[in-house]
C-alpha cells in the first residue's frame, strides 16, 4: 500500500474514532454495566457500547493474561493488568463520545493486538 493510501486510511480511521456517535433512543437501551470476555484473539462482545457522561462499570472476564488498554481513555481508564481466570471490574466516567480501539498487550505480543472497539454514544 502506498504512503498516500496509508495516510488516507489512517485519516479516515482517526476521523471515525474521534467523531461523535449519536445516541438518541439507543442510549435509553444501553446499560452502565458492560460485561466483556477477553480472549487471546478478541473480545466478546467485540463492540460494547455505553452513553457519554455516565459512570460505567466494565466487568472483564479474562481468558488470557496481559494489559488491557482503551485508546482515548488513558486518564479515565488507565491501562490495566488482567489475569487469566480472575474477573475484574473497572469503573470510570464515559466523558468522551466516539469509537475507541481496545488493545491487549501480552508477553507474547508486547506491541499489542486490537481486540475490539469501545463505543461511547452521545445522549
PDB file of N, CA and C in Angstrom:
ATOM      1  N   UNK A   1       0.852  -1.168   0.000  1.00  0.00           N
ATOM      2  CA  UNK A   1       0.000   0.000   0.000  1.00  0.00           C
ATOM      3  C   UNK A   1       0.903   1.238   0.000  1.00  0.00           C
ATOM      4  N   UNK A   2       0.585   2.202  -0.838  1.00  0.00           N
ATOM      5  CA  UNK A   2       1.408   3.408  -0.922  1.00  0.00           C
ATOM      6  C   UNK A   2       1.270   4.255   0.335  1.00  0.00           C
ATOM      7  N   UNK A   3       2.225   5.139   0.545  1.00  0.00           N
ATOM      8  CA  UNK A   3       2.172   6.034   1.713  1.00  0.00           C
ATOM      9  C   UNK A   3       0.916   6.900   1.679  1.00  0.00           C
ATOM     10  N   UNK A   4       0.514   7.338   0.512  1.00  0.00           N
ATOM     11  CA  UNK A   4      -0.688   8.179   0.399  1.00  0.00           C
ATOM     12  C   UNK A   4      -1.919   7.376   0.811  1.00  0.00           C
ATOM     13  N   UNK A   5      -1.998   6.132   0.352  1.00  0.00           N
ATOM     14  CA  UNK A   5      -3.137   5.287   0.730  1.00  0.00           C
ATOM     15  C   UNK A   5      -3.124   5.009   2.230  1.00  0.00           C
ATOM     16  N   UNK A   6      -1.933   4.753   2.800  1.00  0.00           N
ATOM     17  CA  UNK A   6      -1.835   4.524   4.240  1.00  0.00           C
ATOM     18  C   UNK A   6      -2.282   5.760   5.008  1.00  0.00           C
ATOM     19  N   UNK A   7      -1.869   6.934   4.549  1.00  0.00           N
ATOM     20  CA  UNK A   7      -2.264   8.182   5.200  1.00  0.00           C
ATOM     21  C   UNK A   7      -3.775   8.369   5.127  1.00  0.00           C
ATOM     22  N   UNK A   8      -4.366   8.071   3.968  1.00  0.00           N
ATOM     23  CA  UNK A   8      -5.809   8.234   3.795  1.00  0.00           C
ATOM     24  C   UNK A   8      -6.575   7.294   4.730  1.00  0.00           C
ATOM     25  N   UNK A   9      -6.120   6.047   4.820  1.00  0.00           N
ATOM     26  CA  UNK A   9      -6.781   5.087   5.709  1.00  0.00           C
ATOM     27  C   UNK A   9      -6.659   5.549   7.158  1.00  0.00           C
ATOM     28  N   UNK A  10      -5.460   5.993   7.552  1.00  0.00           N
ATOM     29  CA  UNK A  10      -5.253   6.471   8.925  1.00  0.00           C
ATOM     30  C   UNK A  10      -6.130   7.684   9.218  1.00  0.00           C
ATOM     31  N   UNK A  11      -6.231   8.612   8.271  1.00  0.00           N
ATOM     32  CA  UNK A  11      -7.048   9.813   8.473  1.00  0.00           C
ATOM     33  C   UNK A  11      -8.524   9.448   8.630  1.00  0.00           C
ATOM     34  N   UNK A  12      -9.006   8.512   7.813  1.00  0.00           N
ATOM     35  CA  UNK A  12     -10.404   8.081   7.927  1.00  0.00           C
ATOM     36  C   UNK A  12     -10.665   7.405   9.260  1.00  0.00           C
ATOM     37  N   UNK A  13      -9.717   6.562   9.697  1.00  0.00           N
ATOM     38  CA  UNK A  13      -9.867   5.873  10.978  1.00  0.00           C
ATOM     39  C   UNK A  13      -9.917   6.876  12.118  1.00  0.00           C
ATOM     40  N   UNK A  14      -9.005   7.847  12.123  1.00  0.00           N
ATOM     41  CA  UNK A  14      -8.981   8.842  13.199  1.00  0.00           C
ATOM     42  C   UNK A  14     -10.247   9.678  13.201  1.00  0.00           C
ATOM     43  N   UNK A  15     -10.731  10.034  12.032  1.00  0.00           N
ATOM     44  CA  UNK A  15     -11.960  10.820  11.961  1.00  0.00           C
ATOM     45  C   UNK A  15     -13.134  10.032  12.533  1.00  0.00           C
ATOM     46  N   UNK A  16     -13.204   8.754  12.188  1.00  0.00           N
ATOM     47  CA  UNK A  16     -14.295   7.929  12.704  1.00  0.00           C
ATOM     48  C   UNK A  16     -14.162   7.705  14.196  1.00  0.00           C
ATOM     49  N   UNK A  17     -12.939   7.480  14.659  1.00  0.00           N
ATOM     50  CA  UNK A  17     -12.723   7.185  16.077  1.00  0.00           C
ATOM     51  C   UNK A  17     -12.982   8.382  16.963  1.00  0.00           C
ATOM     52  N   UNK A  18     -12.711   9.570  16.475  1.00  0.00           N
ATOM     53  CA  UNK A  18     -12.860  10.741  17.330  1.00  0.00           C
ATOM     54  C   UNK A  18     -14.176  11.473  17.112  1.00  0.00           C
ATOM     55  N   UNK A  19     -14.924  11.077  16.102  1.00  0.00           N
ATOM     56  CA  UNK A  19     -16.173  11.757  15.808  1.00  0.00           C
ATOM     57  C   UNK A  19     -17.250  11.424  16.815  1.00  0.00           C
ATOM     58  N   UNK A  20     -18.274  12.224  16.794  1.00  0.00           N
ATOM     59  CA  UNK A  20     -19.404  11.984  17.688  1.00  0.00           C
ATOM     60  C   UNK A  20     -20.208  10.800  17.189  1.00  0.00           C
ATOM     61  N   UNK A  21     -20.726  10.061  18.100  1.00  0.00           N
ATOM     62  CA  UNK A  21     -21.598   8.945  17.781  1.00  0.00           C
ATOM     63  C   UNK A  21     -22.940   9.285  18.399  1.00  0.00           C
ATOM     64  N   UNK A  22     -23.924   9.534  17.538  1.00  0.00           N
ATOM     65  CA  UNK A  22     -25.213   9.966  18.070  1.00  0.00           C
ATOM     66  C   UNK A  22     -25.870   8.841  18.846  1.00  0.00           C
ATOM     67  N   UNK A  23     -26.586   9.212  19.856  1.00  0.00           N
ATOM     68  CA  UNK A  23     -27.190   8.220  20.728  1.00  0.00           C
ATOM     69  C   UNK A  23     -28.675   8.113  20.546  1.00  0.00           C
ATOM     70  N   UNK A  24     -29.362   9.236  20.714  1.00  0.00           N
ATOM     71  CA  UNK A  24     -30.804   9.222  20.611  1.00  0.00           C
ATOM     72  C   UNK A  24     -31.414   8.187  21.533  1.00  0.00           C
ATOM     73  N   UNK A  25     -32.380   7.454  21.004  1.00  0.00           N
ATOM     74  CA  UNK A  25     -33.071   6.460  21.823  1.00  0.00           C
ATOM     75  C   UNK A  25     -32.175   5.272  22.145  1.00  0.00           C
ATOM     76  N   UNK A  26     -31.069   5.086  21.417  1.00  0.00           N
ATOM     77  CA  UNK A  26     -30.161   3.966  21.699  1.00  0.00           C
ATOM     78  C   UNK A  26     -29.635   4.068  23.127  1.00  0.00           C
ATOM     79  N   UNK A  27     -29.437   5.265  23.615  1.00  0.00           N
ATOM     80  CA  UNK A  27     -28.920   5.438  24.972  1.00  0.00           C
ATOM     81  C   UNK A  27     -29.892   4.928  26.022  1.00  0.00           C
ATOM     82  N   UNK A  28     -31.166   4.994  25.733  1.00  0.00           N
ATOM     83  CA  UNK A  28     -32.157   4.506  26.687  1.00  0.00           C
ATOM     84  C   UNK A  28     -32.030   3.001  26.903  1.00  0.00           C
ATOM     85  N   UNK A  29     -31.531   2.299  25.893  1.00  0.00           N
ATOM     86  CA  UNK A  29     -31.439   0.842  25.957  1.00  0.00           C
ATOM     87  C   UNK A  29     -30.077   0.336  26.427  1.00  0.00           C
ATOM     88  N   UNK A  30     -29.113   1.229  26.611  1.00  0.00           N
ATOM     89  CA  UNK A  30     -27.758   0.809  26.976  1.00  0.00           C
ATOM     90  C   UNK A  30     -27.564   0.820  28.482  1.00  0.00           C
ATOM     91  N   UNK A  31     -26.913  -0.213  28.969  1.00  0.00           N
ATOM     92  CA  UNK A  31     -26.629  -0.345  30.393  1.00  0.00           C
ATOM     93  C   UNK A  31     -25.351   0.414  30.752  1.00  0.00           C
ATOM     94  N   UNK A  32     -25.225   0.778  32.013  1.00  0.00           N
ATOM     95  CA  UNK A  32     -23.999   1.400  32.507  1.00  0.00           C
ATOM     96  C   UNK A  32     -23.007   0.337  32.964  1.00  0.00           C
ATOM     97  N   UNK A  33     -23.415  -0.921  32.879  1.00  0.00           N
ATOM     98  CA  UNK A  33     -22.544  -2.051  33.214  1.00  0.00           C
ATOM     99  C   UNK A  33     -22.361  -2.883  31.947  1.00  0.00           C
ATOM    100  N   UNK A  34     -21.103  -3.040  31.549  1.00  0.00           N
ATOM    101  CA  UNK A  34     -20.780  -3.776  30.339  1.00  0.00           C
ATOM    102  C   UNK A  34     -19.924  -4.978  30.716  1.00  0.00           C
ATOM    103  N   UNK A  35     -20.364  -6.161  30.328  1.00  0.00           N
ATOM    104  CA  UNK A  35     -19.609  -7.378  30.612  1.00  0.00           C
ATOM    105  C   UNK A  35     -18.904  -7.825  29.341  1.00  0.00           C
ATOM    106  N   UNK A  36     -17.578  -8.009  29.435  1.00  0.00           N
ATOM    107  CA  UNK A  36     -16.807  -8.480  28.288  1.00  0.00           C
ATOM    108  C   UNK A  36     -15.928  -9.654  28.707  1.00  0.00           C
ATOM    109  N   UNK A  37     -15.643 -10.506  27.746  1.00  0.00           N
ATOM    110  CA  UNK A  37     -14.687 -11.589  27.924  1.00  0.00           C
ATOM    111  C   UNK A  37     -13.538 -11.312  26.976  1.00  0.00           C
ATOM    112  N   UNK A  38     -12.315 -11.319  27.501  1.00  0.00           N
ATOM    113  CA  UNK A  38     -11.132 -11.062  26.685  1.00  0.00           C
ATOM    114  C   UNK A  38     -10.436 -12.391  26.434  1.00  0.00           C
ATOM    115  N   UNK A  39     -10.227 -12.698  25.140  1.00  0.00           N
ATOM    116  CA  UNK A  39      -9.560 -13.930  24.739  1.00  0.00           C
ATOM    117  C   UNK A  39      -8.232 -13.587  24.063  1.00  0.00           C
ATOM    118  N   UNK A  40      -7.514 -14.589  23.639  1.00  0.00           N
ATOM    119  CA  UNK A  40      -6.216 -14.379  23.003  1.00  0.00           C
ATOM    120  C   UNK A  40      -6.328 -13.620  21.686  1.00  0.00           C
ATOM    121  N   UNK A  41      -7.475 -13.697  21.046  1.00  0.00           N
ATOM    122  CA  UNK A  41      -7.599 -13.041  19.744  1.00  0.00           C
ATOM    123  C   UNK A  41      -8.805 -12.125  19.616  1.00  0.00           C
ATOM    124  N   UNK A  42      -9.424 -11.768  20.726  1.00  0.00           N
ATOM    125  CA  UNK A  42     -10.573 -10.885  20.612  1.00  0.00           C
ATOM    126  C   UNK A  42     -11.248 -10.595  21.930  1.00  0.00           C
ATOM    127  N   UNK A  43     -12.432 -10.039  21.808  1.00  0.00           N
ATOM    128  CA  UNK A  43     -13.220  -9.608  22.954  1.00  0.00           C
ATOM    129  C   UNK A  43     -14.683  -9.890  22.612  1.00  0.00           C
ATOM    130  N   UNK A  44     -15.447 -10.390  23.589  1.00  0.00           N
ATOM    131  CA  UNK A  44     -16.862 -10.686  23.371  1.00  0.00           C
ATOM    132  C   UNK A  44     -17.667  -9.941  24.413  1.00  0.00           C
ATOM    133  N   UNK A  45     -18.587  -9.060  24.007  1.00  0.00           N
ATOM    134  CA  UNK A  45     -18.833  -8.644  22.633  1.00  0.00           C
ATOM    135  C   UNK A  45     -17.665  -7.815  22.100  1.00  0.00           C
ATOM    136  N   UNK A  46     -17.519  -7.792  20.786  1.00  0.00           N
ATOM    137  CA  UNK A  46     -16.375  -7.109  20.176  1.00  0.00           C
ATOM    138  C   UNK A  46     -16.575  -5.597  20.082  1.00  0.00           C
ATOM    139  N   UNK A  47     -17.827  -5.139  20.219  1.00  0.00           N
ATOM    140  CA  UNK A  47     -18.102  -3.707  20.116  1.00  0.00           C
ATOM    141  C   UNK A  47     -19.085  -3.258  21.194  1.00  0.00           C
ATOM    142  N   UNK A  48     -18.664  -3.308  22.456  1.00  0.00           N
ATOM    143  CA  UNK A  48     -19.574  -2.849  23.518  1.00  0.00           C
ATOM    144  C   UNK A  48     -19.819  -1.348  23.404  1.00  0.00           C
ATOM    145  N   UNK A  49     -20.977  -0.912  23.907  1.00  0.00           N
ATOM    146  CA  UNK A  49     -21.343   0.499  23.798  1.00  0.00           C
ATOM    147  C   UNK A  49     -21.998   0.995  25.075  1.00  0.00           C
ATOM    148  N   UNK A  50     -21.742   2.275  25.383  1.00  0.00           N
ATOM    149  CA  UNK A  50     -22.357   2.979  26.504  1.00  0.00           C
ATOM    150  C   UNK A  50     -22.690   4.384  26.030  1.00  0.00           C
ATOM    151  N   UNK A  51     -23.243   5.197  26.924  1.00  0.00           N
ATOM    152  CA  UNK A  51     -23.536   6.590  26.599  1.00  0.00           C
ATOM    153  C   UNK A  51     -22.596   7.516  27.360  1.00  0.00           C
ATOM    154  N   UNK A  52     -22.366   8.685  26.785  1.00  0.00           N
ATOM    155  CA  UNK A  52     -21.466   9.676  27.372  1.00  0.00           C
ATOM    156  C   UNK A  52     -22.042  10.226  28.679  1.00  0.00           C
ATOM    157  N   UNK A  53     -21.131  10.647  29.550  1.00  0.00           N
ATOM    158  CA  UNK A  53     -21.444  11.287  30.828  1.00  0.00           C
ATOM    159  C   UNK A  53     -22.159  10.363  31.811  1.00  0.00           C
ATOM    160  N   UNK A  54     -21.735   9.105  31.822  1.00  0.00           N
ATOM    161  CA  UNK A  54     -22.265   8.142  32.781  1.00  0.00           C
ATOM    162  C   UNK A  54     -21.113   7.469  33.515  1.00  0.00           C
ATOM    163  N   UNK A  55     -21.390   7.016  34.721  1.00  0.00           N
ATOM    164  CA  UNK A  55     -20.421   6.198  35.439  1.00  0.00           C
ATOM    165  C   UNK A  55     -20.615   4.768  34.937  1.00  0.00           C
ATOM    166  N   UNK A  56     -19.571   4.237  34.325  1.00  0.00           N
ATOM    167  CA  UNK A  56     -19.644   2.937  33.661  1.00  0.00           C
ATOM    168  C   UNK A  56     -18.805   1.921  34.423  1.00  0.00           C
ATOM    169  N   UNK A  57     -19.310   0.701  34.519  1.00  0.00           N
ATOM    170  CA  UNK A  57     -18.536  -0.403  35.071  1.00  0.00           C
ATOM    171  C   UNK A  57     -18.282  -1.391  33.950  1.00  0.00           C
ATOM    172  N   UNK A  58     -17.015  -1.650  33.715  1.00  0.00           N
ATOM    173  CA  UNK A  58     -16.593  -2.624  32.729  1.00  0.00           C
ATOM    174  C   UNK A  58     -16.197  -3.889  33.491  1.00  0.00           C
ATOM    175  N   UNK A  59     -17.028  -4.928  33.383  1.00  0.00           N
ATOM    176  CA  UNK A  59     -16.771  -6.194  34.065  1.00  0.00           C
ATOM    177  C   UNK A  59     -16.028  -7.105  33.088  1.00  0.00           C
ATOM    178  N   UNK A  60     -14.764  -7.361  33.388  1.00  0.00           N
ATOM    179  CA  UNK A  60     -13.881  -8.080  32.473  1.00  0.00           C
ATOM    180  C   UNK A  60     -13.640  -9.498  32.982  1.00  0.00           C
ATOM    181  N   UNK A  61     -13.893 -10.471  32.122  1.00  0.00           N
ATOM    182  CA  UNK A  61     -13.549 -11.861  32.405  1.00  0.00           C
ATOM    183  C   UNK A  61     -12.400 -12.219  31.465  1.00  0.00           C
ATOM    184  N   UNK A  62     -11.175 -12.297  31.994  1.00  0.00           N
ATOM    185  CA  UNK A  62     -10.027 -12.587  31.131  1.00  0.00           C
ATOM    186  C   UNK A  62      -9.800 -14.091  30.941  1.00  0.00           C
ATOM    187  N   UNK A  63      -9.643 -14.487  29.686  1.00  0.00           N
ATOM    188  CA  UNK A  63      -9.255 -15.853  29.375  1.00  0.00           C
ATOM    189  C   UNK A  63      -7.773 -15.903  29.006  1.00  0.00           C
ATOM    190  N   UNK A  64      -7.090 -14.765  29.189  1.00  0.00           N
ATOM    191  CA  UNK A  64      -5.669 -14.623  28.916  1.00  0.00           C
ATOM    192  C   UNK A  64      -5.143 -13.509  29.811  1.00  0.00           C
ATOM    193  N   UNK A  65      -3.885 -13.588  30.176  1.00  0.00           N
ATOM    194  CA  UNK A  65      -3.278 -12.527  30.990  1.00  0.00           C
ATOM    195  C   UNK A  65      -2.614 -11.497  30.083  1.00  0.00           C
ATOM    196  N   UNK A  66      -2.606 -10.257  30.529  1.00  0.00           N
ATOM    197  CA  UNK A  66      -1.970  -9.190  29.766  1.00  0.00           C
ATOM    198  C   UNK A  66      -2.354  -7.841  30.318  1.00  0.00           C
ATOM    199  N   UNK A  67      -2.157  -6.826  29.506  1.00  0.00           N
ATOM    200  CA  UNK A  67      -2.523  -5.465  29.875  1.00  0.00           C
ATOM    201  C   UNK A  67      -3.589  -4.989  28.898  1.00  0.00           C
ATOM    202  N   UNK A  68      -4.749  -4.618  29.433  1.00  0.00           N
ATOM    203  CA  UNK A  68      -5.881  -4.144  28.642  1.00  0.00           C
ATOM    204  C   UNK A  68      -5.845  -2.626  28.599  1.00  0.00           C
ATOM    205  N   UNK A  69      -6.064  -2.079  27.411  1.00  0.00           N
ATOM    206  CA  UNK A  69      -5.922  -0.634  27.213  1.00  0.00           C
ATOM    207  C   UNK A  69      -6.998  -0.144  26.246  1.00  0.00           C
ATOM    208  N   UNK A  70      -7.713   0.926  26.623  1.00  0.00           N
ATOM    209  CA  UNK A  70      -8.700   1.548  25.739  1.00  0.00           C
ATOM    210  C   UNK A  70      -8.113   2.877  25.272  1.00  0.00           C
ATOM    211  N   UNK A  71      -7.743   2.944  23.988  1.00  0.00           N
ATOM    212  CA  UNK A  71      -7.156   4.170  23.447  1.00  0.00           C
ATOM    213  C   UNK A  71      -8.148   5.322  23.573  1.00  0.00           C
ATOM    214  N   UNK A  72      -7.664   6.478  23.978  1.00  0.00           N
ATOM    215  CA  UNK A  72      -8.515   7.653  24.125  1.00  0.00           C
ATOM    216  C   UNK A  72      -9.100   7.809  25.518  1.00  0.00           C
ATOM    217  N   UNK A  73      -8.956   6.797  26.354  1.00  0.00           N
ATOM    218  CA  UNK A  73      -9.463   6.847  27.723  1.00  0.00           C
ATOM    219  C   UNK A  73      -8.344   6.613  28.732  1.00  0.00           C
ATOM    220  N   UNK A  74      -7.144   7.060  28.376  1.00  0.00           N
ATOM    221  CA  UNK A  74      -5.960   6.817  29.204  1.00  0.00           C
ATOM    222  C   UNK A  74      -6.087   7.370  30.622  1.00  0.00           C
ATOM    223  N   UNK A  75      -6.680   8.547  30.767  1.00  0.00           N
ATOM    224  CA  UNK A  75      -6.793   9.158  32.099  1.00  0.00           C
ATOM    225  C   UNK A  75      -7.977   8.589  32.882  1.00  0.00           C
ATOM    226  N   UNK A  76      -9.090   8.371  32.208  1.00  0.00           N
ATOM    227  CA  UNK A  76     -10.295   7.872  32.875  1.00  0.00           C
ATOM    228  C   UNK A  76     -10.201   6.386  33.189  1.00  0.00           C
ATOM    229  N   UNK A  77      -9.525   5.646  32.322  1.00  0.00           N
ATOM    230  CA  UNK A  77      -9.429   4.200  32.435  1.00  0.00           C
ATOM    231  C   UNK A  77      -8.003   3.784  32.064  1.00  0.00           C
ATOM    232  N   UNK A  78      -7.078   3.884  33.019  1.00  0.00           N
ATOM    233  CA  UNK A  78      -5.676   3.579  32.718  1.00  0.00           C
ATOM    234  C   UNK A  78      -5.499   2.122  32.275  1.00  0.00           C
ATOM    235  N   UNK A  79      -4.422   1.867  31.537  1.00  0.00           N
ATOM    236  CA  UNK A  79      -4.078   0.500  31.149  1.00  0.00           C
ATOM    237  C   UNK A  79      -4.072  -0.365  32.409  1.00  0.00           C
ATOM    238  N   UNK A  80      -4.690  -1.539  32.323  1.00  0.00           N
ATOM    239  CA  UNK A  80      -4.903  -2.377  33.498  1.00  0.00           C
ATOM    240  C   UNK A  80      -4.429  -3.798  33.237  1.00  0.00           C
ATOM    241  N   UNK A  81      -3.696  -4.343  34.187  1.00  0.00           N
ATOM    242  CA  UNK A  81      -3.272  -5.735  34.096  1.00  0.00           C
ATOM    243  C   UNK A  81      -4.461  -6.642  34.377  1.00  0.00           C
ATOM    244  N   UNK A  82      -4.688  -7.590  33.463  1.00  0.00           N
ATOM    245  CA  UNK A  82      -5.727  -8.590  33.670  1.00  0.00           C
ATOM    246  C   UNK A  82      -5.039  -9.953  33.772  1.00  0.00           C
ATOM    247  N   UNK A  83      -5.601 -10.824  34.597  1.00  0.00           N
ATOM    248  CA  UNK A  83      -5.012 -12.139  34.842  1.00  0.00           C
ATOM    249  C   UNK A  83      -6.036 -13.204  34.468  1.00  0.00           C
ATOM    250  N   UNK A  84      -5.599 -14.151  33.656  1.00  0.00           N
ATOM    251  CA  UNK A  84      -6.468 -15.233  33.215  1.00  0.00           C
ATOM    252  C   UNK A  84      -7.199 -15.868  34.397  1.00  0.00           C
ATOM    253  N   UNK A  85      -8.530 -15.955  34.266  1.00  0.00           N
ATOM    254  CA  UNK A  85      -9.341 -16.601  35.288  1.00  0.00           C
ATOM    255  C   UNK A  85      -9.696 -15.728  36.474  1.00  0.00           C
ATOM    256  N   UNK A  86      -9.241 -14.467  36.493  1.00  0.00           N
ATOM    257  CA  UNK A  86      -9.547 -13.562  37.611  1.00  0.00           C
ATOM    258  C   UNK A  86     -10.375 -12.372  37.116  1.00  0.00           C
ATOM    259  N   UNK A  87     -11.702 -12.454  37.223  1.00  0.00           N
ATOM    260  CA  UNK A  87     -12.555 -11.339  36.790  1.00  0.00           C
ATOM    261  C   UNK A  87     -12.193 -10.046  37.528  1.00  0.00           C
ATOM    262  N   UNK A  88     -12.377  -8.950  36.848  1.00  0.00           N
ATOM    263  CA  UNK A  88     -12.063  -7.639  37.421  1.00  0.00           C
ATOM    264  C   UNK A  88     -13.129  -6.643  36.963  1.00  0.00           C
ATOM    265  N   UNK A  89     -13.443  -5.681  37.819  1.00  0.00           N
ATOM    266  CA  UNK A  89     -14.387  -4.618  37.446  1.00  0.00           C
ATOM    267  C   UNK A  89     -13.648  -3.293  37.426  1.00  0.00           C
ATOM    268  N   UNK A  90     -13.836  -2.561  36.338  1.00  0.00           N
ATOM    269  CA  UNK A  90     -13.210  -1.255  36.165  1.00  0.00           C
ATOM    270  C   UNK A  90     -14.326  -0.215  36.051  1.00  0.00           C
ATOM    271  N   UNK A  91     -14.290   0.796  36.906  1.00  0.00           N
ATOM    272  CA  UNK A  91     -15.318   1.832  36.876  1.00  0.00           C
ATOM    273  C   UNK A  91     -14.688   3.150  36.461  1.00  0.00           C
ATOM    274  N   UNK A  92     -15.362   3.850  35.562  1.00  0.00           N
ATOM    275  CA  UNK A  92     -14.852   5.116  35.042  1.00  0.00           C
ATOM    276  C   UNK A  92     -16.015   5.950  34.519  1.00  0.00           C
ATOM    277  N   UNK A  93     -15.744   7.206  34.234  1.00  0.00           N
ATOM    278  CA  UNK A  93     -16.732   8.138  33.684  1.00  0.00           C
ATOM    279  C   UNK A  93     -16.575   8.161  32.170  1.00  0.00           C
ATOM    280  N   UNK A  94     -17.644   7.927  31.441  1.00  0.00           N
ATOM    281  CA  UNK A  94     -17.606   7.963  29.970  1.00  0.00           C
ATOM    282  C   UNK A  94     -17.686   9.419  29.515  1.00  0.00           C
ATOM    283  N   UNK A  95     -16.557  10.077  29.530  1.00  0.00           N
ATOM    284  CA  UNK A  95     -16.514  11.531  29.348  1.00  0.00           C
ATOM    285  C   UNK A  95     -16.427  11.997  27.898  1.00  0.00           C
ATOM    286  N   UNK A  96     -16.064  11.110  26.964  1.00  0.00           N
ATOM    287  CA  UNK A  96     -15.931  11.499  25.560  1.00  0.00           C
ATOM    288  C   UNK A  96     -16.680  10.514  24.677  1.00  0.00           C
ATOM    289  N   UNK A  97     -17.368  11.042  23.666  1.00  0.00           N
ATOM    290  CA  UNK A  97     -18.063  10.159  22.734  1.00  0.00           C
ATOM    291  C   UNK A  97     -17.148   9.824  21.562  1.00  0.00           C
ATOM    292  N   UNK A  98     -17.436   8.721  20.925  1.00  0.00           N
ATOM    293  CA  UNK A  98     -16.662   8.273  19.775  1.00  0.00           C
ATOM    294  C   UNK A  98     -16.449   6.781  19.832  1.00  0.00           C
ATOM    295  N   UNK A  99     -15.567   6.314  18.968  1.00  0.00           N
ATOM    296  CA  UNK A  99     -15.211   4.901  18.942  1.00  0.00           C
ATOM    297  C   UNK A  99     -13.739   4.785  19.299  1.00  0.00           C
ATOM    298  N   UNK A 100     -13.446   3.910  20.268  1.00  0.00           N
ATOM    299  CA  UNK A 100     -12.110   3.818  20.834  1.00  0.00           C
ATOM    300  C   UNK A 100     -11.600   2.381  20.743  1.00  0.00           C
ATOM    301  N   UNK A 101     -10.464   2.169  20.049  1.00  0.00           N
ATOM    302  CA  UNK A 101      -9.901   0.825  19.941  1.00  0.00           C
ATOM    303  C   UNK A 101      -9.498   0.278  21.303  1.00  0.00           C
ATOM    304  N   UNK A 102      -9.777  -1.007  21.516  1.00  0.00           N
ATOM    305  CA  UNK A 102      -9.382  -1.709  22.733  1.00  0.00           C
ATOM    306  C   UNK A 102      -8.218  -2.615  22.341  1.00  0.00           C
ATOM    307  N   UNK A 103      -7.135  -2.530  23.106  1.00  0.00           N
ATOM    308  CA  UNK A 103      -5.918  -3.253  22.769  1.00  0.00           C
ATOM    309  C   UNK A 103      -5.491  -4.135  23.933  1.00  0.00           C
ATOM    310  N   UNK A 104      -4.916  -5.276  23.622  1.00  0.00           N
ATOM    311  CA  UNK A 104      -4.399  -6.194  24.618  1.00  0.00           C
ATOM    312  C   UNK A 104      -2.912  -6.396  24.373  1.00  0.00           C
ATOM    313  N   UNK A 105      -2.109  -6.172  25.404  1.00  0.00           N
ATOM    314  CA  UNK A 105      -0.667  -6.397  25.344  1.00  0.00           C
ATOM    315  C   UNK A 105      -0.371  -7.634  26.184  1.00  0.00           C
ATOM    316  N   UNK A 106       0.327  -8.623  25.595  1.00  0.00           N
ATOM    317  CA  UNK A 106       0.673  -9.842  26.315  1.00  0.00           C
ATOM    318  C   UNK A 106       2.184 -10.035  26.268  1.00  0.00           C
ATOM    319  N   UNK A 107       2.666 -10.992  27.034  1.00  0.00           N
ATOM    320  CA  UNK A 107       4.096 -11.314  26.978  1.00  0.00           C
ATOM    321  C   UNK A 107       4.478 -11.764  25.575  1.00  0.00           C
ATOM    322  N   UNK A 108       3.581 -12.456  24.899  1.00  0.00           N
ATOM    323  CA  UNK A 108       3.854 -12.949  23.550  1.00  0.00           C
ATOM    324  C   UNK A 108       3.777 -11.843  22.503  1.00  0.00           C
ATOM    325  N   UNK A 109       3.049 -10.763  22.795  1.00  0.00           N
ATOM    326  CA  UNK A 109       2.894  -9.669  21.831  1.00  0.00           C
ATOM    327  C   UNK A 109       2.861  -8.333  22.565  1.00  0.00           C
ATOM    328  N   UNK A 110       4.045  -7.836  22.901  1.00  0.00           N
ATOM    329  CA  UNK A 110       4.144  -6.582  23.653  1.00  0.00           C
ATOM    330  C   UNK A 110       3.632  -5.392  22.855  1.00  0.00           C
ATOM    331  N   UNK A 111       3.637  -5.478  21.518  1.00  0.00           N
ATOM    332  CA  UNK A 111       3.121  -4.394  20.674  1.00  0.00           C
ATOM    333  C   UNK A 111       1.626  -4.221  20.875  1.00  0.00           C
ATOM    334  N   UNK A 112       0.957  -5.331  21.158  1.00  0.00           N
ATOM    335  CA  UNK A 112      -0.480  -5.280  21.378  1.00  0.00           C
ATOM    336  C   UNK A 112      -1.269  -5.645  20.139  1.00  0.00           C
ATOM    337  N   UNK A 113      -2.457  -6.207  20.381  1.00  0.00           N
ATOM    338  CA  UNK A 113      -3.378  -6.522  19.295  1.00  0.00           C
ATOM    339  C   UNK A 113      -4.710  -5.850  19.592  1.00  0.00           C
ATOM    340  N   UNK A 114      -5.364  -5.394  18.543  1.00  0.00           N
ATOM    341  CA  UNK A 114      -6.697  -4.824  18.699  1.00  0.00           C
ATOM    342  C   UNK A 114      -7.668  -5.962  18.943  1.00  0.00           C
ATOM    343  N   UNK A 115      -8.423  -5.860  20.039  1.00  0.00           N
ATOM    344  CA  UNK A 115      -9.390  -6.922  20.360  1.00  0.00           C
ATOM    345  C   UNK A 115     -10.836  -6.457  20.212  1.00  0.00           C
ATOM    346  N   UNK A 116     -11.054  -5.163  20.027  1.00  0.00           N
ATOM    347  CA  UNK A 116     -12.412  -4.673  19.870  1.00  0.00           C
ATOM    348  C   UNK A 116     -12.467  -3.159  19.779  1.00  0.00           C
ATOM    349  N   UNK A 117     -13.669  -2.651  19.709  1.00  0.00           N
ATOM    350  CA  UNK A 117     -13.946  -1.205  19.650  1.00  0.00           C
ATOM    351  C   UNK A 117     -14.943  -0.874  20.759  1.00  0.00           C
ATOM    352  N   UNK A 118     -14.599   0.113  21.579  1.00  0.00           N
ATOM    353  CA  UNK A 118     -15.482   0.584  22.634  1.00  0.00           C
ATOM    354  C   UNK A 118     -16.157   1.848  22.133  1.00  0.00           C
ATOM    355  N   UNK A 119     -17.472   1.852  22.072  1.00  0.00           N
ATOM    356  CA  UNK A 119     -18.217   2.984  21.543  1.00  0.00           C
ATOM    357  C   UNK A 119     -18.919   3.740  22.665  1.00  0.00           C
ATOM    358  N   UNK A 120     -18.789   5.054  22.636  1.00  0.00           N
ATOM    359  CA  UNK A 120     -19.485   5.927  23.590  1.00  0.00           C
ATOM    360  C   UNK A 120     -20.390   6.840  22.788  1.00  0.00           C
ATOM    361  N   UNK A 121     -21.707   6.648  22.956  1.00  0.00           N
ATOM    362  CA  UNK A 121     -22.713   7.421  22.214  1.00  0.00           C
ATOM    363  C   UNK A 121     -23.000   8.737  22.914  1.00  0.00           C
ATOM    364  N   UNK A 122     -23.426   9.701  22.132  1.00  0.00           N
ATOM    365  CA  UNK A 122     -23.960  10.958  22.673  1.00  0.00           C
ATOM    366  C   UNK A 122     -25.334  10.651  23.266  1.00  0.00           C
ATOM    367  N   UNK A 123     -25.667  11.295  24.381  1.00  0.00           N
ATOM    368  CA  UNK A 123     -27.003  11.050  24.978  1.00  0.00           C
ATOM    369  C   UNK A 123     -28.115  11.606  24.100  1.00  0.00           C
TER     370      UNK A 123
END
